[in-house]
Every structure is written in structure tokens, then in C-alpha cells.
Amino acid sequence: MITFAELAADIQTQVNIIDTYLKEHNLPQPSFDVDSPTELPIDPNVQRARLKLIEAGGALENLATGSADHLRWRCMTEKFDDMVLHFLVRFNIFDAVPRNEAISLAELSQKVGVPEHRLHRIMSLAYTRYLFCEPKPGFVAHTSNSALAIGDPLASAWVLHNVEEVIPWYACKFVETTKKWGDSRDPRHTGPNLDAKPGQEKLFYDIMEEDEGEWKGVYGRGFRLKRLFDTDQFFATGGSVKGTSLLTAFDWGKLGKASVVDMSGVTGHLSMTIAQAFPDLKFIVQEKAQPWLEEKFQEVLPDDLKGTDRVRIMGHDRYAEQPIKGADIYFISTLLHKEPEERGTTFIRRIAEAMDPKKSRLIVREIVMDAGDPPSEDATSNDTATHGVSQHQAGLGPTGSITRLNIGIDLQMLTLLNVFERTRAEWIAWFKEADPRFKLKSCVQPVGNFAAVMEWVLEE
């Protein structure tokens, strides 16, 4: 069994690895100051140490808490963490506190229109999560964590979608949906439909589109769907989630001058990232034809790509025949995991029908629940999970932070859509069902990233 001393030694080892790298590269140390770096370098050794540090730190916290207090403390406090986030967003407290100076609680109370006594109690719990701090009694200041949300509607969207929709409508009703429908794969068998009459159940995206409300100063129907778009944008740019790992998980440079059909939709930000790194590639981003999505695409298109044909958007229904035949690369990122199995099979089949077996490849970036293989340059002969329980890439063992993140995503998909994240064998089975010619050529997961990049080819 692991001991306090062993955990502490492990923590010091990982801290030394990170500290040495930062000093050797003359990089600033992370801190809670507002101008602290928001993430550690993507160097694989640093990321490996970071993930082991998180895991060992979590184990140390659990042991220090003790089983006598674990459930008691958890159930008493963690439900209010989400309530506090909701409060901070709805009363605009992230923006009301000046970025670089403290503000008195009394002045903040007047500024946001919340009674001071109530505000003090909310802020007190926020401090325990390093959201804001109390530099001196009766004053509030930002930390690096809270400063990240200043003036960011995407961060607000992320909080509001989860605390106003996911938790009350879906997560809190999951026990009842399981009692009623068991292990259903029907996307309509979710919390909001518990009391619906047969045939009147609604799909998640229909529910998001039907209400009227305000988002970013615009009132109208479908405000939740537009907010969901910003939610996805926020989550997709997080350290362990953002798609820069695509640059190392697949060798784009070997393609030379090539065409890429990006069926991930939305704004095509991943295509833009790859296009900037590999100028010989041309991308077509396919998404359902909607004027507001095309406007978003133009908004986020980098200046160096504007006025060129290197990344362009095209209206397309992914379940219909793929109009672009024989492209060098067909590309999907974090889309298939949202698809009901039957519709997803149709989508994959449409791609196979368009592929040229002699040259086309399908690149899929998705969660692989039992993990992908590390890139050869990231591999290590001694990459065991913290505590040496079993051989796992860092962060991907049973108590790893990436494992926990991916389970959270899996449960989000389960409660909202009744779909699930897949293991490598399950991905292979699904693709073979769509077209038996599919062969998984590689499955690569850079250290520190939540998703693997799978390369599929057709074998005649």
C-alpha cells in the first residue's frame, strides 16, 4: 500500500522535472497571480510529470482527508461549487472585480447588486477553489483561475450550459431515466422526456433550439443552441482538449500538396490550425448550411488565411452522399461520439463510398477509452502510472486525470444523448460494421491530450 512518504517523494520527483524544464528554458513558474501562465509547456516530459503530479496529489489529498470524512465533506461542499460558479456568472462578478487590483466587498456588493452578507458567503467558498482571493480582510482580488473568465462569453457559456441545463435537466434525472428505460440507446430517453407522452419525446438539439431567451445581447428563439456553440468552443480550446496535438499525432507534412475534407463542422478551427502549420494543404470545412455558422467561420478565420482558397466552408448534410470524391484526407474530430449508432454508421458509410482506396485516408480524432499509443518521440520505457499499479501512459491509468476527464465526457454523452465513448476494439467493430474494408492503421495519443488520432484506410 502507498504511504504518505512515498506519495510526497513522488510529488517532489515530478515537481523537479517541471521546475528544471522551466528554469532551463527561462520560463515563468505557474502561480495564482493573474498574469501567471495558464498552462504548462506541451513538452511530453513536462506533461507526463504534470499528470503524475495531479494523480499523486489527488491520492495524497484523499489519504489526508481520510475515509471518515471523504463522503461527508464531498457531499456537503461539492454541490455548492457549481452553485457558486452559477452565481459568479449570473451576477457578472468575474468582470466586476478589477483584473489588477483589489476591490472592497462593500463596493463589489453595490456594483453587482447583491447584498454584502450573501456575497461574502459565496466568495468564501470560491476562495477555497482558488477562484478569487482575499488579499486582506474585506477585499476581493482575482487569481489566475478567475482572471481567465474576465470578459469571456465562452467561459460563461460553459458554466451556464452545465449548471442550467446539464445538471438539472439531465444529470439529476439519470437515476429516473435508468429506472424507466434501462440501458436504452434511444436519444429521446433522457431527463426532459420523463413525463412526455409516447411519440412526443424530443431530441437534445431540438430542446436546445425551442426556447426563447437572450444570449450575448440578442434575444430570440434558439438562444440555448447558440450558447451551446460557444460552450463547445470554450471546451475545445482547453489545455488537454485543444487540437494542437493533431500536429504531432499525424504526419501532415508527408502529404505534400493535398486536399482535406473536414467534416467536423462548426467553424473549422482545427483545419485552420493545421493549414497554418502546413501551407501545402487545402481544406474544405463541411457543415449544415446555416448563415450564422458561416458568419462564425469568417469571424474566426485567421488573417493570413483570408482571401485565399486554403480553408473554405461548404454546406453539406453529413448523412447524404459525400459530394467530394477521392480526397486525400477525410477528417472528423470529436463528432462521431455524439452520433446515435445507426446515424453514425450511415455517416461513416458515406465517407467510405467517397474514398479512393488507393490514396484516401480517414483521420478521426476521438476519445479511445482504453487509450491510444504514444507517438514514438513521446514514448518512454518507464511510463508507469503513479504508484506503479500497472503499465499506463501518464494520466490514463484507473485514477489518472485524463481518465477521469474522459469518463466525465462519456457520462455527459450518456445523460444528454444516450451515446457512449468507445474502446479501440469498439471503434474497430463500428467501422467494420459500416464498411468491412476499413482497417485501423494507427491510433496515436500524445501525452497530456484527451483524444487519440486514428488513421483509417480501405483495404480491397
Protein backbone atom coordinates (compact mmCIF):
# COMPACT_ATOMS: atom_id res chain seq x y z
CA MET A 1 0.00 0.00 0.00
CA ILE A 2 1.18 3.52 -0.80
CA THR A 3 2.27 5.73 2.11
CA PHE A 4 2.33 9.48 2.75
CA ALA A 5 6.11 9.48 2.45
CA GLU A 6 6.08 7.62 -0.89
CA LEU A 7 3.46 9.99 -2.32
CA ALA A 8 5.40 13.01 -1.10
CA ALA A 9 8.59 11.68 -2.70
CA ASP A 10 6.75 11.04 -5.97
CA ILE A 11 5.36 14.57 -5.90
CA GLN A 12 8.83 16.04 -5.37
CA THR A 13 10.20 13.99 -8.27
CA GLN A 14 7.57 15.32 -10.67
CA VAL A 15 7.95 18.89 -9.40
CA ASN A 16 11.70 18.67 -10.01
CA ILE A 17 11.14 17.60 -13.63
CA ILE A 18 8.82 20.54 -14.30
CA ASP A 19 10.95 23.03 -12.37
CA THR A 20 14.13 22.01 -14.19
CA TYR A 21 12.49 22.40 -17.60
CA LEU A 22 11.11 25.84 -16.77
CA LYS A 23 14.47 27.06 -15.48
CA GLU A 24 16.43 25.62 -18.42
CA HIS A 25 14.09 27.36 -20.87
CA ASN A 26 13.85 30.58 -18.85
CA LEU A 27 10.06 30.20 -18.50
CA PRO A 28 7.94 31.66 -15.68
CA GLN A 29 6.74 29.49 -12.83
CA PRO A 30 2.98 28.84 -12.55
CA SER A 31 1.30 30.72 -9.72
CA PHE A 32 -2.06 32.13 -8.70
CA ASP A 33 -1.09 35.63 -9.89
CA VAL A 34 -3.40 36.95 -12.60
CA ASP A 35 -0.61 37.04 -15.18
CA SER A 36 0.63 33.52 -14.46
CA PRO A 37 0.93 31.16 -17.45
CA THR A 38 -2.40 29.43 -17.99
CA GLU A 39 -0.81 26.07 -18.77
CA LEU A 40 2.48 24.23 -18.66
CA PRO A 41 4.58 23.66 -21.82
CA ILE A 42 3.43 20.87 -24.13
CA ASP A 43 6.83 19.13 -23.91
CA PRO A 44 5.98 15.44 -23.34
CA ASN A 45 8.25 15.08 -20.32
CA VAL A 46 6.64 18.10 -18.67
CA GLN A 47 3.14 16.87 -19.48
CA ARG A 48 3.97 13.39 -18.20
CA ALA A 49 5.25 14.87 -14.93
CA ARG A 50 2.21 17.15 -14.69
CA LEU A 51 -0.23 14.25 -14.98
CA LYS A 52 1.65 12.14 -12.45
CA LEU A 53 1.77 15.14 -10.10
CA ILE A 54 -2.01 15.61 -10.35
CA GLU A 55 -2.59 11.92 -9.65
CA ALA A 56 -0.19 11.74 -6.70
CA GLY A 57 -1.54 15.00 -5.30
CA GLY A 58 -5.08 13.68 -5.50
CA ALA A 59 -4.09 10.48 -3.74
CA LEU A 60 -2.32 12.44 -1.01
CA GLU A 61 -5.36 14.68 -0.51
CA ASN A 62 -7.64 11.64 -0.25
CA LEU A 63 -5.42 9.90 2.29
CA ALA A 64 -5.06 13.07 4.36
CA THR A 65 -8.83 13.60 4.31
CA GLY A 66 -9.42 10.04 5.43
CA SER A 67 -12.35 7.75 4.71
CA ALA A 68 -14.19 9.02 7.80
CA ASP A 69 -14.54 12.47 6.19
CA HIS A 70 -14.41 11.67 2.46
CA LEU A 71 -18.14 11.22 1.79
CA ARG A 72 -19.19 13.71 4.44
CA TRP A 73 -17.06 16.53 3.09
CA ARG A 74 -17.68 15.69 -0.55
CA CYS A 75 -21.46 15.71 -0.36
CA MET A 76 -21.52 18.78 1.86
CA THR A 77 -19.34 21.05 -0.30
CA GLU A 78 -19.04 19.93 -3.91
CA LYS A 79 -22.67 20.56 -4.84
CA PHE A 80 -22.14 24.17 -3.88
CA ASP A 81 -19.08 24.55 -6.12
CA ASP A 82 -21.43 24.54 -9.12
CA MET A 83 -23.86 26.88 -7.35
CA VAL A 84 -21.02 29.34 -6.72
CA LEU A 85 -19.94 29.25 -10.38
CA HIS A 86 -23.53 29.90 -11.41
CA PHE A 87 -23.71 32.85 -9.03
CA LEU A 88 -20.42 34.32 -10.22
CA VAL A 89 -21.53 34.23 -13.86
CA ARG A 90 -25.12 35.38 -13.42
CA PHE A 91 -24.10 38.36 -11.26
CA ASN A 92 -21.18 39.20 -13.57
CA ILE A 93 -18.67 39.03 -10.73
CA PHE A 94 -15.76 37.89 -12.93
CA ASP A 95 -15.96 41.19 -14.83
CA ALA A 96 -16.89 43.34 -11.84
CA VAL A 97 -13.65 42.64 -9.97
CA PRO A 98 -10.78 44.67 -11.49
CA ARG A 99 -8.14 42.49 -13.07
CA ASN A 100 -5.09 44.00 -11.41
CA GLU A 101 -6.31 45.46 -8.14
CA ALA A 102 -8.44 44.54 -5.16
CA ILE A 103 -11.95 45.81 -4.57
CA SER A 104 -13.73 46.03 -1.24
CA LEU A 105 -16.55 43.58 -0.68
CA ALA A 106 -18.82 46.54 0.09
CA GLU A 107 -18.05 48.22 -3.24
CA LEU A 108 -18.39 44.92 -5.14
CA SER A 109 -21.76 44.37 -3.46
CA GLN A 110 -23.01 47.71 -4.75
CA LYS A 111 -21.52 47.12 -8.19
CA VAL A 112 -23.24 43.77 -8.80
CA GLY A 113 -26.41 44.40 -6.82
CA VAL A 114 -26.02 41.59 -4.30
CA PRO A 115 -26.37 42.04 -0.52
CA GLU A 116 -22.90 42.12 1.04
CA HIS A 117 -23.59 39.41 3.62
CA ARG A 118 -24.75 36.98 0.94
CA LEU A 119 -21.90 37.90 -1.41
CA HIS A 120 -19.34 37.30 1.37
CA ARG A 121 -20.61 33.75 1.88
CA ILE A 122 -20.43 32.95 -1.83
CA MET A 123 -16.95 34.40 -2.20
CA SER A 124 -15.73 32.47 0.83
CA LEU A 125 -16.35 29.16 -0.90
CA ALA A 126 -14.90 30.47 -4.17
CA TYR A 127 -11.63 31.22 -2.36
CA THR A 128 -11.30 27.57 -1.34
CA ARG A 129 -11.22 26.66 -5.05
CA TYR A 130 -8.66 29.39 -5.83
CA LEU A 131 -11.32 31.38 -7.67
CA PHE A 132 -10.53 34.91 -6.48
CA CYS A 133 -8.70 35.55 -3.23
CA GLU A 134 -8.92 37.78 -0.17
CA PRO A 135 -5.65 39.80 -0.14
CA LYS A 136 -6.75 41.47 3.07
CA PRO A 137 -9.91 41.22 5.18
CA GLY A 138 -12.97 42.60 3.40
CA PHE A 139 -11.36 42.80 -0.06
CA VAL A 140 -11.55 40.65 -3.22
CA ALA A 141 -8.97 40.18 -5.96
CA HIS A 142 -8.54 37.91 -8.96
CA THR A 143 -6.41 34.79 -9.13
CA SER A 144 -5.14 33.25 -12.37
CA ASN A 145 -8.16 30.93 -12.36
CA SER A 146 -10.80 33.63 -12.06
CA ALA A 147 -8.97 36.09 -14.34
CA LEU A 148 -9.28 33.57 -17.18
CA ALA A 149 -13.04 34.25 -17.30
CA ILE A 150 -12.84 38.06 -17.47
CA GLY A 151 -14.76 39.30 -20.50
CA ASP A 152 -15.04 35.79 -21.93
CA PRO A 153 -18.57 34.86 -23.06
CA LEU A 154 -17.30 31.38 -23.95
CA ALA A 155 -16.42 30.70 -20.30
CA SER A 156 -19.85 31.96 -19.25
CA ALA A 157 -21.49 29.72 -21.84
CA TRP A 158 -19.62 26.69 -20.47
CA VAL A 159 -20.76 27.35 -16.92
CA LEU A 160 -24.37 28.19 -17.80
CA HIS A 161 -24.88 25.22 -20.10
CA ASN A 162 -23.71 22.84 -17.40
CA VAL A 163 -25.42 24.35 -14.36
CA GLU A 164 -28.68 25.43 -16.03
CA GLU A 165 -29.20 22.54 -18.44
CA VAL A 166 -26.95 19.50 -18.00
CA ILE A 167 -27.18 19.19 -14.20
CA PRO A 168 -30.88 19.92 -13.52
CA TRP A 169 -32.41 18.52 -16.72
CA TYR A 170 -30.20 15.51 -17.36
CA ALA A 171 -27.71 14.50 -14.64
CA CYS A 172 -30.14 14.88 -11.72
CA LYS A 173 -32.71 12.78 -13.59
CA PHE A 174 -30.35 10.00 -14.67
CA VAL A 175 -31.46 7.58 -11.94
CA GLU A 176 -35.09 8.00 -13.01
CA THR A 177 -34.30 7.58 -16.72
CA THR A 178 -32.40 4.38 -15.90
CA LYS A 179 -35.33 3.05 -13.87
CA LYS A 180 -37.72 3.80 -16.71
CA TRP A 181 -35.70 2.86 -19.81
CA GLY A 182 -32.74 0.78 -18.58
CA ASP A 183 -29.65 0.85 -20.81
CA SER A 184 -31.51 2.49 -23.68
CA ARG A 185 -29.65 3.79 -26.71
CA ASP A 186 -32.64 5.87 -27.81
CA PRO A 187 -31.51 9.54 -27.80
CA ARG A 188 -35.00 10.59 -26.67
CA HIS A 189 -34.85 8.54 -23.46
CA THR A 190 -33.39 11.38 -21.39
CA GLY A 191 -34.35 13.51 -18.40
CA PRO A 192 -36.52 16.16 -20.11
CA ASN A 193 -38.68 13.41 -21.65
CA LEU A 194 -39.53 11.52 -18.47
CA ASP A 195 -43.09 12.84 -18.42
CA ALA A 196 -43.56 13.13 -22.19
CA LYS A 197 -46.24 11.06 -23.87
CA PRO A 198 -45.02 8.32 -26.25
CA GLY A 199 -44.18 9.86 -29.60
CA GLN A 200 -43.80 13.35 -28.12
CA GLU A 201 -40.26 12.96 -26.77
CA LYS A 202 -37.74 15.48 -28.07
CA LEU A 203 -34.12 15.16 -29.11
CA PHE A 204 -31.41 17.11 -27.29
CA TYR A 205 -30.77 19.58 -30.12
CA ASP A 206 -34.50 20.18 -30.59
CA ILE A 207 -34.75 21.03 -26.89
CA MET A 208 -31.80 23.41 -27.20
CA GLU A 209 -33.44 25.14 -30.15
CA GLU A 210 -37.01 25.60 -28.95
CA ASP A 211 -36.81 28.14 -26.08
CA GLU A 212 -36.67 31.91 -26.42
CA GLY A 213 -34.12 33.83 -24.42
CA GLU A 214 -31.10 36.11 -24.50
CA TRP A 215 -27.52 35.29 -25.28
CA LYS A 216 -24.79 37.90 -25.82
CA GLY A 217 -27.31 40.73 -26.08
CA VAL A 218 -29.50 39.05 -28.69
CA TYR A 219 -32.98 37.84 -27.74
CA GLY A 220 -34.68 35.13 -29.75
CA ARG A 221 -35.57 31.51 -30.27
CA GLY A 222 -32.73 29.02 -30.15
CA PHE A 223 -30.54 31.01 -27.76
CA ARG A 224 -29.51 27.80 -25.98
CA LEU A 225 -28.22 26.33 -29.23
CA LYS A 226 -26.12 29.40 -29.93
CA ARG A 227 -24.83 29.29 -26.36
CA LEU A 228 -24.02 25.60 -26.87
CA PHE A 229 -21.87 26.58 -29.85
CA ASP A 230 -19.84 28.86 -27.56
CA THR A 231 -19.71 26.08 -24.95
CA ASP A 232 -18.08 23.74 -27.46
CA GLN A 233 -15.64 26.45 -28.48
CA PHE A 234 -14.58 27.02 -24.88
CA PHE A 235 -14.10 23.34 -24.08
CA ALA A 236 -12.25 22.65 -27.33
CA THR A 237 -9.55 25.22 -26.55
CA GLY A 238 -8.60 23.82 -23.11
CA GLY A 239 -5.07 22.57 -22.49
CA SER A 240 -5.76 18.82 -22.57
CA VAL A 241 -8.50 19.16 -25.17
CA LYS A 242 -7.24 21.63 -27.74
CA GLY A 243 -6.35 20.23 -31.11
CA THR A 244 -2.71 21.27 -31.40
CA SER A 245 -1.95 17.61 -30.63
CA LEU A 246 -3.07 16.91 -34.19
CA LEU A 247 0.16 18.43 -35.39
CA THR A 248 2.21 15.63 -33.80
CA ALA A 249 -0.24 12.71 -33.77
CA PHE A 250 -0.33 12.50 -37.57
CA ASP A 251 2.38 13.33 -40.12
CA TRP A 252 0.62 16.01 -42.19
CA GLY A 253 3.87 17.07 -43.82
CA LYS A 254 4.27 13.79 -45.70
CA LEU A 255 1.08 14.53 -47.67
CA GLY A 256 2.69 17.34 -49.66
CA LYS A 257 0.09 19.18 -51.75
CA ALA A 258 -3.16 17.54 -50.71
CA SER A 259 -6.87 18.13 -50.20
CA VAL A 260 -8.55 17.66 -46.82
CA VAL A 261 -12.31 17.43 -46.28
CA ASP A 262 -13.07 18.42 -42.69
CA MET A 263 -16.47 17.05 -41.69
CA SER A 264 -16.14 18.15 -38.05
CA GLY A 265 -18.16 21.22 -38.92
CA VAL A 266 -18.80 24.27 -36.75
CA THR A 267 -16.06 26.83 -37.54
CA GLY A 268 -13.24 24.61 -38.76
CA HIS A 269 -10.76 25.92 -36.19
CA LEU A 270 -8.74 22.68 -36.33
CA SER A 271 -8.41 22.91 -40.11
CA MET A 272 -7.20 26.48 -39.71
CA THR A 273 -4.58 25.39 -37.15
CA ILE A 274 -3.26 22.65 -39.43
CA ALA A 275 -3.39 24.87 -42.52
CA GLN A 276 -1.20 27.49 -40.84
CA ALA A 277 1.40 24.84 -40.00
CA PHE A 278 1.30 23.06 -43.39
CA PRO A 279 0.87 25.57 -46.26
CA ASP A 280 0.61 22.89 -48.98
CA LEU A 281 -2.70 21.59 -47.64
CA LYS A 282 -6.13 22.88 -48.73
CA PHE A 283 -9.19 22.35 -46.53
CA ILE A 284 -12.93 22.25 -47.16
CA VAL A 285 -14.95 22.51 -43.94
CA GLN A 286 -18.37 20.92 -44.26
CA GLU A 287 -21.29 21.96 -42.07
CA LYS A 288 -25.04 22.16 -42.37
CA ALA A 289 -25.83 25.30 -44.36
CA GLN A 290 -26.77 27.95 -41.79
CA PRO A 291 -25.99 31.66 -42.28
CA TRP A 292 -24.97 32.25 -38.64
CA LEU A 293 -22.43 29.39 -38.81
CA GLU A 294 -20.92 30.80 -41.99
CA GLU A 295 -20.63 34.18 -40.25
CA LYS A 296 -18.84 32.49 -37.33
CA PHE A 297 -16.47 30.81 -39.78
CA GLN A 298 -15.49 34.14 -41.29
CA GLU A 299 -15.10 35.69 -37.81
CA VAL A 300 -12.54 33.12 -36.65
CA LEU A 301 -10.68 32.70 -39.96
CA PRO A 302 -7.11 33.93 -39.31
CA ASP A 303 -5.97 36.98 -41.29
CA ASP A 304 -3.26 35.03 -43.10
CA LEU A 305 -5.90 32.64 -44.49
CA LYS A 306 -8.42 35.29 -45.55
CA GLY A 307 -8.54 36.00 -49.26
CA THR A 308 -7.11 32.56 -50.06
CA ASP A 309 -8.73 29.27 -51.01
CA ARG A 310 -6.78 27.29 -48.42
CA VAL A 311 -9.66 26.93 -45.96
CA ARG A 312 -13.23 27.38 -47.14
CA ILE A 313 -16.66 26.36 -45.88
CA MET A 314 -19.23 24.27 -47.73
CA GLY A 315 -22.84 23.47 -46.85
CA HIS A 316 -23.39 19.71 -46.57
CA ASP A 317 -25.64 17.20 -44.80
CA ARG A 318 -23.25 14.58 -43.42
CA TYR A 319 -25.81 11.78 -43.83
CA ALA A 320 -26.23 12.47 -47.54
CA GLU A 321 -23.89 11.35 -50.31
CA GLN A 322 -20.44 12.89 -49.91
CA PRO A 323 -20.04 15.17 -52.95
CA ILE A 324 -16.24 15.34 -52.82
CA LYS A 325 -14.86 12.07 -54.16
CA GLY A 326 -11.34 10.76 -53.76
CA ALA A 327 -9.95 13.42 -51.43
CA ASP A 328 -6.53 12.71 -49.96
CA ILE A 329 -7.83 13.07 -46.40
CA TYR A 330 -11.28 12.97 -44.86
CA PHE A 331 -11.17 14.34 -41.34
CA ILE A 332 -13.50 14.13 -38.31
CA SER A 333 -12.85 15.47 -34.82
CA THR A 334 -14.98 14.79 -31.72
CA LEU A 335 -18.15 14.37 -33.74
CA LEU A 336 -18.78 10.64 -34.04
CA HIS A 337 -19.03 10.22 -30.26
CA LYS A 338 -22.22 12.34 -30.35
CA GLU A 339 -23.86 10.22 -33.02
CA PRO A 340 -26.53 7.58 -32.36
CA GLU A 341 -25.17 4.30 -33.69
CA GLU A 342 -27.44 3.98 -36.71
CA ARG A 343 -26.91 7.56 -37.89
CA GLY A 344 -23.20 7.33 -37.20
CA THR A 345 -22.96 4.17 -39.28
CA THR A 346 -24.62 5.98 -42.17
CA PHE A 347 -22.16 8.87 -41.81
CA ILE A 348 -19.12 6.57 -41.82
CA ARG A 349 -20.51 4.62 -44.77
CA ARG A 350 -20.97 7.82 -46.81
CA ILE A 351 -17.29 8.61 -46.27
CA ALA A 352 -16.20 5.11 -47.32
CA GLU A 353 -18.25 5.43 -50.50
CA ALA A 354 -16.39 8.64 -51.39
CA MET A 355 -12.89 7.40 -50.53
CA ASP A 356 -10.42 6.24 -53.15
CA PRO A 357 -8.93 3.01 -51.69
CA LYS A 358 -5.65 3.72 -53.46
CA LYS A 359 -4.97 7.08 -51.80
CA SER A 360 -7.70 8.31 -49.45
CA ARG A 361 -7.39 8.13 -45.69
CA LEU A 362 -9.85 8.93 -42.94
CA ILE A 363 -8.36 10.71 -39.90
CA VAL A 364 -10.58 10.52 -36.82
CA ARG A 365 -9.79 12.36 -33.60
CA GLU A 366 -11.89 10.90 -30.79
CA ILE A 367 -11.63 9.56 -27.26
CA VAL A 368 -10.37 5.98 -27.06
CA MET A 369 -11.35 4.79 -23.61
CA ASP A 370 -8.50 2.28 -23.29
CA ALA A 371 -6.07 4.86 -24.74
CA GLY A 372 -4.10 5.27 -27.92
CA ASP A 373 -0.38 4.63 -28.38
CA PRO A 374 2.07 7.43 -27.56
CA PRO A 375 3.89 8.99 -30.53
CA SER A 376 7.31 7.38 -30.92
CA GLU A 377 9.01 10.58 -29.76
CA ASP A 378 6.83 10.66 -26.62
CA ALA A 379 7.26 7.01 -25.69
CA THR A 380 9.21 6.09 -22.59
CA SER A 381 10.38 2.76 -21.28
CA ASN A 382 9.30 3.63 -17.74
CA ASP A 383 5.94 5.33 -18.18
CA THR A 384 4.07 3.59 -15.40
CA ALA A 385 1.04 5.03 -13.70
CA THR A 386 1.71 6.78 -10.43
CA HIS A 387 2.22 4.28 -7.58
CA GLY A 388 3.36 1.62 -10.07
CA VAL A 389 -0.03 -0.10 -10.11
CA SER A 390 0.19 -1.13 -13.76
CA GLN A 391 1.64 -0.02 -17.07
CA HIS A 392 -0.23 3.03 -18.36
CA GLN A 393 0.66 6.16 -20.23
CA ALA A 394 0.66 9.04 -17.72
CA GLY A 395 -2.82 10.28 -16.88
CA LEU A 396 -4.50 7.25 -18.42
CA GLY A 397 -4.44 4.76 -15.54
CA PRO A 398 -7.54 3.92 -13.47
CA THR A 399 -7.07 7.02 -11.27
CA GLY A 400 -5.50 9.25 -13.93
CA SER A 401 -6.74 12.78 -14.57
CA ILE A 402 -7.22 12.20 -18.31
CA THR A 403 -9.14 9.01 -17.50
CA ARG A 404 -11.41 10.99 -15.17
CA LEU A 405 -11.92 13.73 -17.76
CA ASN A 406 -12.85 11.17 -20.43
CA ILE A 407 -15.25 9.38 -18.10
CA GLY A 408 -16.87 12.76 -17.45
CA ILE A 409 -17.27 13.30 -21.19
CA ASP A 410 -18.66 9.78 -21.53
CA LEU A 411 -21.27 10.47 -18.84
CA GLN A 412 -22.12 13.81 -20.46
CA MET A 413 -22.79 11.97 -23.71
CA LEU A 414 -24.77 9.28 -21.87
CA THR A 415 -27.06 11.65 -19.99
CA LEU A 416 -27.66 14.07 -22.88
CA LEU A 417 -27.71 11.79 -25.92
CA ASN A 418 -27.61 8.14 -24.77
CA VAL A 419 -24.40 7.56 -26.70
CA PHE A 420 -21.03 6.43 -25.39
CA GLU A 421 -17.27 6.73 -25.77
CA ARG A 422 -15.58 3.65 -27.23
CA THR A 423 -12.56 1.46 -26.67
CA ARG A 424 -10.24 0.71 -29.56
CA ALA A 425 -11.95 -2.64 -30.18
CA GLU A 426 -15.36 -0.94 -30.20
CA TRP A 427 -14.18 1.65 -32.72
CA ILE A 428 -12.89 -1.11 -34.99
CA ALA A 429 -16.15 -3.05 -34.70
CA TRP A 430 -18.22 0.05 -35.53
CA PHE A 431 -16.14 0.94 -38.59
CA LYS A 432 -16.18 -2.66 -39.81
CA GLU A 433 -19.97 -2.64 -39.49
CA ALA A 434 -20.14 0.46 -41.67
CA ASP A 435 -17.73 -1.00 -44.25
CA PRO A 436 -15.72 -4.21 -43.75
CA ARG A 437 -12.86 -2.78 -45.82
CA PHE A 438 -11.90 -0.35 -43.06
CA LYS A 439 -8.57 -1.03 -41.36
CA LEU A 440 -7.16 0.90 -38.42
CA LYS A 441 -3.62 1.77 -39.47
CA SER A 442 -2.62 3.71 -36.35
CA CYS A 443 -4.07 5.06 -33.11
CA VAL A 444 -1.88 7.74 -31.53
CA GLN A 445 -2.49 9.74 -28.35
CA PRO A 446 0.05 12.42 -27.40
CA VAL A 447 0.84 12.57 -23.70
CA GLY A 448 -1.42 15.03 -21.90
CA ASN A 449 -4.17 15.04 -24.54
CA PHE A 450 -7.63 13.58 -24.00
CA ALA A 451 -8.12 12.22 -27.54
CA ALA A 452 -6.40 9.78 -29.84
CA VAL A 453 -5.92 10.29 -33.56
CA MET A 454 -6.91 7.24 -35.58
CA GLU A 455 -5.82 6.70 -39.19
CA TRP A 456 -8.18 4.53 -41.25
CA VAL A 457 -7.66 3.14 -44.75
CA LEU A 458 -9.72 0.93 -47.05
CA GLU A 459 -8.34 -2.47 -47.92
CA GLU A 460 -9.79 -4.11 -51.04
